[in-house]
Amino acid sequence: MSTTLLAAGLAIGLGAIGPGIGIGILASRAMEAIGRNPEATPTIQTNMILGIVFVEAIAIYALVVALLIMFVQ
């Protein structure tokens, strides 16, 4: 039981690090782009939100894997 909880914790922990870094970089670059070209704000925001959605899906997959590890034996 203890090893499955450790495996689930590692799965969600490591699975959330990448998307967290990715969303931070994505938002940072979008803010830089908006600062340089304010007229392009709607296009940049749309692309940023779409990118965040796809990156966040990876974290949700990691959560599903962690739950599967915990509850399926």
PDB file of N, CA and C in Angstrom:
ATOM      1  N   MET A   1       0.825  -1.198   0.000  1.00  0.00           N
ATOM      2  CA  MET A   1       0.000   0.000   0.000  1.00  0.00           C
ATOM      3  C   MET A   1       0.862   1.252   0.000  1.00  0.00           C
ATOM      4  N   SER A   2       1.931   1.232   0.748  1.00  0.00           N
ATOM      5  CA  SER A   2       2.792   2.397   0.852  1.00  0.00           C
ATOM      6  C   SER A   2       3.491   2.696  -0.481  1.00  0.00           C
ATOM      7  N   THR A   3       3.885   1.643  -1.205  1.00  0.00           N
ATOM      8  CA  THR A   3       4.572   1.877  -2.475  1.00  0.00           C
ATOM      9  C   THR A   3       3.613   2.419  -3.536  1.00  0.00           C
ATOM     10  N   THR A   4       2.347   2.015  -3.480  1.00  0.00           N
ATOM     11  CA  THR A   4       1.396   2.543  -4.457  1.00  0.00           C
ATOM     12  C   THR A   4       1.111   4.021  -4.197  1.00  0.00           C
ATOM     13  N   LEU A   5       1.049   4.395  -2.921  1.00  0.00           N
ATOM     14  CA  LEU A   5       0.853   5.817  -2.611  1.00  0.00           C
ATOM     15  C   LEU A   5       2.071   6.645  -3.022  1.00  0.00           C
ATOM     16  N   LEU A   6       3.253   6.090  -2.839  1.00  0.00           N
ATOM     17  CA  LEU A   6       4.469   6.778  -3.262  1.00  0.00           C
ATOM     18  C   LEU A   6       4.495   6.925  -4.785  1.00  0.00           C
ATOM     19  N   ALA A   7       4.120   5.856  -5.480  1.00  0.00           N
ATOM     20  CA  ALA A   7       4.092   5.906  -6.944  1.00  0.00           C
ATOM     21  C   ALA A   7       3.060   6.915  -7.438  1.00  0.00           C
ATOM     22  N   ALA A   8       1.896   6.959  -6.803  1.00  0.00           N
ATOM     23  CA  ALA A   8       0.867   7.926  -7.195  1.00  0.00           C
ATOM     24  C   ALA A   8       1.333   9.354  -6.927  1.00  0.00           C
ATOM     25  N   GLY A   9       1.965   9.563  -5.808  1.00  0.00           N
ATOM     26  CA  GLY A   9       2.493  10.891  -5.489  1.00  0.00           C
ATOM     27  C   GLY A   9       3.561  11.337  -6.472  1.00  0.00           C
ATOM     28  N   LEU A  10       4.437  10.423  -6.838  1.00  0.00           N
ATOM     29  CA  LEU A  10       5.465  10.753  -7.824  1.00  0.00           C
ATOM     30  C   LEU A  10       4.851  11.013  -9.196  1.00  0.00           C
ATOM     31  N   ALA A  11       3.829  10.250  -9.544  1.00  0.00           N
ATOM     32  CA  ALA A  11       3.197  10.423 -10.855  1.00  0.00           C
ATOM     33  C   ALA A  11       2.583  11.810 -10.991  1.00  0.00           C
ATOM     34  N   ILE A  12       1.833  12.245 -10.006  1.00  0.00           N
ATOM     35  CA  ILE A  12       1.212  13.563 -10.115  1.00  0.00           C
ATOM     36  C   ILE A  12       2.235  14.665  -9.868  1.00  0.00           C
ATOM     37  N   GLY A  13       3.174  14.430  -8.973  1.00  0.00           N
ATOM     38  CA  GLY A  13       4.196  15.447  -8.697  1.00  0.00           C
ATOM     39  C   GLY A  13       5.064  15.732  -9.901  1.00  0.00           C
ATOM     40  N   LEU A  14       5.602  14.682 -10.504  1.00  0.00           N
ATOM     41  CA  LEU A  14       6.453  14.874 -11.673  1.00  0.00           C
ATOM     42  C   LEU A  14       5.630  15.245 -12.905  1.00  0.00           C
ATOM     43  N   GLY A  15       4.387  14.773 -12.945  1.00  0.00           N
ATOM     44  CA  GLY A  15       3.532  15.093 -14.076  1.00  0.00           C
ATOM     45  C   GLY A  15       3.029  16.517 -14.061  1.00  0.00           C
ATOM     46  N   ALA A  16       3.109  17.191 -12.936  1.00  0.00           N
ATOM     47  CA  ALA A  16       2.646  18.578 -12.848  1.00  0.00           C
ATOM     48  C   ALA A  16       3.788  19.590 -12.958  1.00  0.00           C
ATOM     49  N   ILE A  17       5.010  19.137 -12.807  1.00  0.00           N
ATOM     50  CA  ILE A  17       6.145  20.066 -12.899  1.00  0.00           C
ATOM     51  C   ILE A  17       6.287  20.618 -14.316  1.00  0.00           C
ATOM     52  N   GLY A  18       6.246  19.737 -15.303  1.00  0.00           N
ATOM     53  CA  GLY A  18       6.408  20.163 -16.693  1.00  0.00           C
ATOM     54  C   GLY A  18       5.337  21.140 -17.146  1.00  0.00           C
ATOM     55  N   PRO A  19       4.058  20.802 -16.946  1.00  0.00           N
ATOM     56  CA  PRO A  19       3.023  21.759 -17.336  1.00  0.00           C
ATOM     57  C   PRO A  19       3.102  23.078 -16.569  1.00  0.00           C
ATOM     58  N   GLY A  20       3.494  23.041 -15.307  1.00  0.00           N
ATOM     59  CA  GLY A  20       3.629  24.277 -14.536  1.00  0.00           C
ATOM     60  C   GLY A  20       4.691  25.188 -15.118  1.00  0.00           C
ATOM     61  N   ILE A  21       5.823  24.609 -15.460  1.00  0.00           N
ATOM     62  CA  ILE A  21       6.895  25.388 -16.089  1.00  0.00           C
ATOM     63  C   ILE A  21       6.451  25.871 -17.465  1.00  0.00           C
ATOM     64  N   GLY A  22       5.788  25.004 -18.213  1.00  0.00           N
ATOM     65  CA  GLY A  22       5.334  25.375 -19.548  1.00  0.00           C
ATOM     66  C   GLY A  22       4.343  26.520 -19.539  1.00  0.00           C
ATOM     67  N   ILE A  23       3.401  26.493 -18.620  1.00  0.00           N
ATOM     68  CA  ILE A  23       2.415  27.574 -18.533  1.00  0.00           C
ATOM     69  C   ILE A  23       3.091  28.879 -18.116  1.00  0.00           C
ATOM     70  N   GLY A  24       4.053  28.793 -17.216  1.00  0.00           N
ATOM     71  CA  GLY A  24       4.779  29.998 -16.805  1.00  0.00           C
ATOM     72  C   GLY A  24       5.543  30.629 -17.947  1.00  0.00           C
ATOM     73  N   ILE A  25       6.235  29.804 -18.727  1.00  0.00           N
ATOM     74  CA  ILE A  25       6.982  30.326 -19.876  1.00  0.00           C
ATOM     75  C   ILE A  25       6.031  30.886 -20.928  1.00  0.00           C
ATOM     76  N   LEU A  26       4.946  30.166 -21.170  1.00  0.00           N
ATOM     77  CA  LEU A  26       3.971  30.601 -22.177  1.00  0.00           C
ATOM     78  C   LEU A  26       3.366  31.947 -21.806  1.00  0.00           C
ATOM     79  N   ALA A  27       2.955  32.109 -20.565  1.00  0.00           N
ATOM     80  CA  ALA A  27       2.360  33.377 -20.140  1.00  0.00           C
ATOM     81  C   ALA A  27       3.387  34.505 -20.165  1.00  0.00           C
ATOM     82  N   SER A  28       4.612  34.203 -19.785  1.00  0.00           N
ATOM     83  CA  SER A  28       5.664  35.215 -19.798  1.00  0.00           C
ATOM     84  C   SER A  28       5.923  35.730 -21.203  1.00  0.00           C
ATOM     85  N   ARG A  29       6.037  34.809 -22.146  1.00  0.00           N
ATOM     86  CA  ARG A  29       6.287  35.215 -23.529  1.00  0.00           C
ATOM     87  C   ARG A  29       5.094  35.968 -24.122  1.00  0.00           C
ATOM     88  N   ALA A  30       3.882  35.570 -23.728  1.00  0.00           N
ATOM     89  CA  ALA A  30       2.704  36.275 -24.233  1.00  0.00           C
ATOM     90  C   ALA A  30       2.669  37.701 -23.708  1.00  0.00           C
ATOM     91  N   MET A  31       3.016  37.895 -22.439  1.00  0.00           N
ATOM     92  CA  MET A  31       3.031  39.245 -21.882  1.00  0.00           C
ATOM     93  C   MET A  31       4.105  40.102 -22.548  1.00  0.00           C
ATOM     94  N   GLU A  32       5.251  39.495 -22.860  1.00  0.00           N
ATOM     95  CA  GLU A  32       6.290  40.226 -23.587  1.00  0.00           C
ATOM     96  C   GLU A  32       5.791  40.638 -24.966  1.00  0.00           C
ATOM     97  N   ALA A  33       5.120  39.721 -25.644  1.00  0.00           N
ATOM     98  CA  ALA A  33       4.625  40.019 -26.993  1.00  0.00           C
ATOM     99  C   ALA A  33       3.562  41.112 -26.954  1.00  0.00           C
ATOM    100  N   ILE A  34       2.686  41.066 -25.959  1.00  0.00           N
ATOM    101  CA  ILE A  34       1.663  42.109 -25.839  1.00  0.00           C
ATOM    102  C   ILE A  34       2.311  43.458 -25.518  1.00  0.00           C
ATOM    103  N   GLY A  35       3.348  43.431 -24.707  1.00  0.00           N
ATOM    104  CA  GLY A  35       4.056  44.670 -24.396  1.00  0.00           C
ATOM    105  C   GLY A  35       4.730  45.280 -25.611  1.00  0.00           C
ATOM    106  N   ARG A  36       5.219  44.436 -26.505  1.00  0.00           N
ATOM    107  CA  ARG A  36       5.889  44.938 -27.707  1.00  0.00           C
ATOM    108  C   ARG A  36       4.906  45.345 -28.797  1.00  0.00           C
ATOM    109  N   ASN A  37       3.763  44.660 -28.862  1.00  0.00           N
ATOM    110  CA  ASN A  37       2.794  44.936 -29.924  1.00  0.00           C
ATOM    111  C   ASN A  37       1.379  44.888 -29.359  1.00  0.00           C
ATOM    112  N   PRO A  38       0.934  45.943 -28.699  1.00  0.00           N
ATOM    113  CA  PRO A  38      -0.383  45.936 -28.057  1.00  0.00           C
ATOM    114  C   PRO A  38      -1.546  45.737 -29.020  1.00  0.00           C
ATOM    115  N   GLU A  39      -1.374  46.083 -30.283  1.00  0.00           N
ATOM    116  CA  GLU A  39      -2.465  45.918 -31.242  1.00  0.00           C
ATOM    117  C   GLU A  39      -2.795  44.450 -31.489  1.00  0.00           C
ATOM    118  N   ALA A  40      -1.846  43.574 -31.253  1.00  0.00           N
ATOM    119  CA  ALA A  40      -2.042  42.144 -31.507  1.00  0.00           C
ATOM    120  C   ALA A  40      -2.560  41.400 -30.275  1.00  0.00           C
ATOM    121  N   THR A  41      -3.026  42.132 -29.263  1.00  0.00           N
ATOM    122  CA  THR A  41      -3.463  41.511 -28.007  1.00  0.00           C
ATOM    123  C   THR A  41      -4.522  40.425 -28.190  1.00  0.00           C
ATOM    124  N   PRO A  42      -5.594  40.641 -28.966  1.00  0.00           N
ATOM    125  CA  PRO A  42      -6.610  39.576 -29.080  1.00  0.00           C
ATOM    126  C   PRO A  42      -6.059  38.276 -29.670  1.00  0.00           C
ATOM    127  N   THR A  43      -5.221  38.392 -30.684  1.00  0.00           N
ATOM    128  CA  THR A  43      -4.641  37.195 -31.297  1.00  0.00           C
ATOM    129  C   THR A  43      -3.701  36.489 -30.335  1.00  0.00           C
ATOM    130  N   ILE A  44      -2.878  37.263 -29.652  1.00  0.00           N
ATOM    131  CA  ILE A  44      -1.921  36.669 -28.712  1.00  0.00           C
ATOM    132  C   ILE A  44      -2.652  36.003 -27.561  1.00  0.00           C
ATOM    133  N   GLN A  45      -3.689  36.661 -27.030  1.00  0.00           N
ATOM    134  CA  GLN A  45      -4.438  36.074 -25.918  1.00  0.00           C
ATOM    135  C   GLN A  45      -5.130  34.781 -26.325  1.00  0.00           C
ATOM    136  N   THR A  46      -5.703  34.764 -27.518  1.00  0.00           N
ATOM    137  CA  THR A  46      -6.374  33.553 -27.986  1.00  0.00           C
ATOM    138  C   THR A  46      -5.391  32.395 -28.102  1.00  0.00           C
ATOM    139  N   ASN A  47      -4.238  32.667 -28.698  1.00  0.00           N
ATOM    140  CA  ASN A  47      -3.231  31.616 -28.840  1.00  0.00           C
ATOM    141  C   ASN A  47      -2.680  31.181 -27.484  1.00  0.00           C
ATOM    142  N   MET A  48      -2.519  32.141 -26.568  1.00  0.00           N
ATOM    143  CA  MET A  48      -2.011  31.805 -25.242  1.00  0.00           C
ATOM    144  C   MET A  48      -2.998  30.902 -24.500  1.00  0.00           C
ATOM    145  N   ILE A  49      -4.269  31.242 -24.534  1.00  0.00           N
ATOM    146  CA  ILE A  49      -5.269  30.444 -23.834  1.00  0.00           C
ATOM    147  C   ILE A  49      -5.360  29.050 -24.435  1.00  0.00           C
ATOM    148  N   LEU A  50      -5.295  28.955 -25.753  1.00  0.00           N
ATOM    149  CA  LEU A  50      -5.323  27.646 -26.408  1.00  0.00           C
ATOM    150  C   LEU A  50      -4.111  26.810 -26.012  1.00  0.00           C
ATOM    151  N   GLY A  51      -2.956  27.428 -25.952  1.00  0.00           N
ATOM    152  CA  GLY A  51      -1.752  26.717 -25.518  1.00  0.00           C
ATOM    153  C   GLY A  51      -1.841  26.261 -24.074  1.00  0.00           C
ATOM    154  N   ILE A  52      -2.383  27.106 -23.206  1.00  0.00           N
ATOM    155  CA  ILE A  52      -2.540  26.741 -21.799  1.00  0.00           C
ATOM    156  C   ILE A  52      -3.493  25.560 -21.658  1.00  0.00           C
ATOM    157  N   VAL A  53      -4.547  25.542 -22.460  1.00  0.00           N
ATOM    158  CA  VAL A  53      -5.497  24.420 -22.403  1.00  0.00           C
ATOM    159  C   VAL A  53      -4.807  23.114 -22.764  1.00  0.00           C
ATOM    160  N   PHE A  54      -4.005  23.128 -23.816  1.00  0.00           N
ATOM    161  CA  PHE A  54      -3.322  21.900 -24.223  1.00  0.00           C
ATOM    162  C   PHE A  54      -2.281  21.459 -23.189  1.00  0.00           C
ATOM    163  N   VAL A  55      -1.575  22.414 -22.606  1.00  0.00           N
ATOM    164  CA  VAL A  55      -0.576  22.064 -21.591  1.00  0.00           C
ATOM    165  C   VAL A  55      -1.255  21.532 -20.334  1.00  0.00           C
ATOM    166  N   GLU A  56      -2.372  22.133 -19.962  1.00  0.00           N
ATOM    167  CA  GLU A  56      -3.080  21.698 -18.767  1.00  0.00           C
ATOM    168  C   GLU A  56      -3.650  20.297 -18.938  1.00  0.00           C
ATOM    169  N   ALA A  57      -3.950  19.911 -20.170  1.00  0.00           N
ATOM    170  CA  ALA A  57      -4.447  18.561 -20.429  1.00  0.00           C
ATOM    171  C   ALA A  57      -3.404  17.519 -20.020  1.00  0.00           C
ATOM    172  N   ILE A  58      -2.138  17.843 -20.179  1.00  0.00           N
ATOM    173  CA  ILE A  58      -1.077  16.910 -19.788  1.00  0.00           C
ATOM    174  C   ILE A  58      -1.095  16.701 -18.277  1.00  0.00           C
ATOM    175  N   ALA A  59      -1.314  17.764 -17.515  1.00  0.00           N
ATOM    176  CA  ALA A  59      -1.399  17.631 -16.059  1.00  0.00           C
ATOM    177  C   ALA A  59      -2.618  16.804 -15.657  1.00  0.00           C
ATOM    178  N   ILE A  60      -3.707  16.952 -16.381  1.00  0.00           N
ATOM    179  CA  ILE A  60      -4.896  16.152 -16.082  1.00  0.00           C
ATOM    180  C   ILE A  60      -4.629  14.680 -16.369  1.00  0.00           C
ATOM    181  N   TYR A  61      -3.891  14.389 -17.441  1.00  0.00           N
ATOM    182  CA  TYR A  61      -3.520  12.999 -17.724  1.00  0.00           C
ATOM    183  C   TYR A  61      -2.664  12.435 -16.592  1.00  0.00           C
ATOM    184  N   ALA A  62      -1.759  13.237 -16.053  1.00  0.00           N
ATOM    185  CA  ALA A  62      -0.938  12.783 -14.929  1.00  0.00           C
ATOM    186  C   ALA A  62      -1.802  12.500 -13.710  1.00  0.00           C
ATOM    187  N   LEU A  63      -2.823  13.324 -13.483  1.00  0.00           N
ATOM    188  CA  LEU A  63      -3.741  13.092 -12.371  1.00  0.00           C
ATOM    189  C   LEU A  63      -4.500  11.783 -12.563  1.00  0.00           C
ATOM    190  N   VAL A  64      -4.948  11.527 -13.772  1.00  0.00           N
ATOM    191  CA  VAL A  64      -5.673  10.284 -14.058  1.00  0.00           C
ATOM    192  C   VAL A  64      -4.768   9.082 -13.827  1.00  0.00           C
ATOM    193  N   VAL A  65      -3.521   9.172 -14.254  1.00  0.00           N
ATOM    194  CA  VAL A  65      -2.575   8.071 -14.030  1.00  0.00           C
ATOM    195  C   VAL A  65      -2.359   7.855 -12.539  1.00  0.00           C
ATOM    196  N   ALA A  66      -2.222   8.940 -11.771  1.00  0.00           N
ATOM    197  CA  ALA A  66      -2.029   8.821 -10.324  1.00  0.00           C
ATOM    198  C   ALA A  66      -3.237   8.161  -9.675  1.00  0.00           C
ATOM    199  N   LEU A  67      -4.445   8.552 -10.086  1.00  0.00           N
ATOM    200  CA  LEU A  67      -5.645   7.929  -9.528  1.00  0.00           C
ATOM    201  C   LEU A  67      -5.756   6.459  -9.908  1.00  0.00           C
ATOM    202  N   LEU A  68      -5.357   6.128 -11.125  1.00  0.00           N
ATOM    203  CA  LEU A  68      -5.361   4.732 -11.542  1.00  0.00           C
ATOM    204  C   LEU A  68      -4.376   3.907 -10.715  1.00  0.00           C
ATOM    205  N   ILE A  69      -3.218   4.470 -10.441  1.00  0.00           N
ATOM    206  CA  ILE A  69      -2.230   3.769  -9.631  1.00  0.00           C
ATOM    207  C   ILE A  69      -2.776   3.538  -8.221  1.00  0.00           C
ATOM    208  N   MET A  70      -3.468   4.542  -7.676  1.00  0.00           N
ATOM    209  CA  MET A  70      -3.965   4.426  -6.313  1.00  0.00           C
ATOM    210  C   MET A  70      -5.092   3.415  -6.180  1.00  0.00           C
ATOM    211  N   PHE A  71      -6.044   3.432  -7.110  1.00  0.00           N
ATOM    212  CA  PHE A  71      -7.264   2.679  -6.912  1.00  0.00           C
ATOM    213  C   PHE A  71      -7.345   1.373  -7.691  1.00  0.00           C
ATOM    214  N   VAL A  72      -6.466   1.149  -8.647  1.00  0.00           N
ATOM    215  CA  VAL A  72      -6.490  -0.121  -9.396  1.00  0.00           C
ATOM    216  C   VAL A  72      -5.275  -0.927  -8.964  1.00  0.00           C
ATOM    217  N   GLN A  73      -5.540  -2.073  -8.412  1.00  0.00           N
ATOM    218  CA  GLN A  73      -4.431  -2.902  -7.925  1.00  0.00           C
ATOM    219  C   GLN A  73      -4.417  -4.231  -8.593  1.00  0.00           C
TER     220      GLN A  73
END
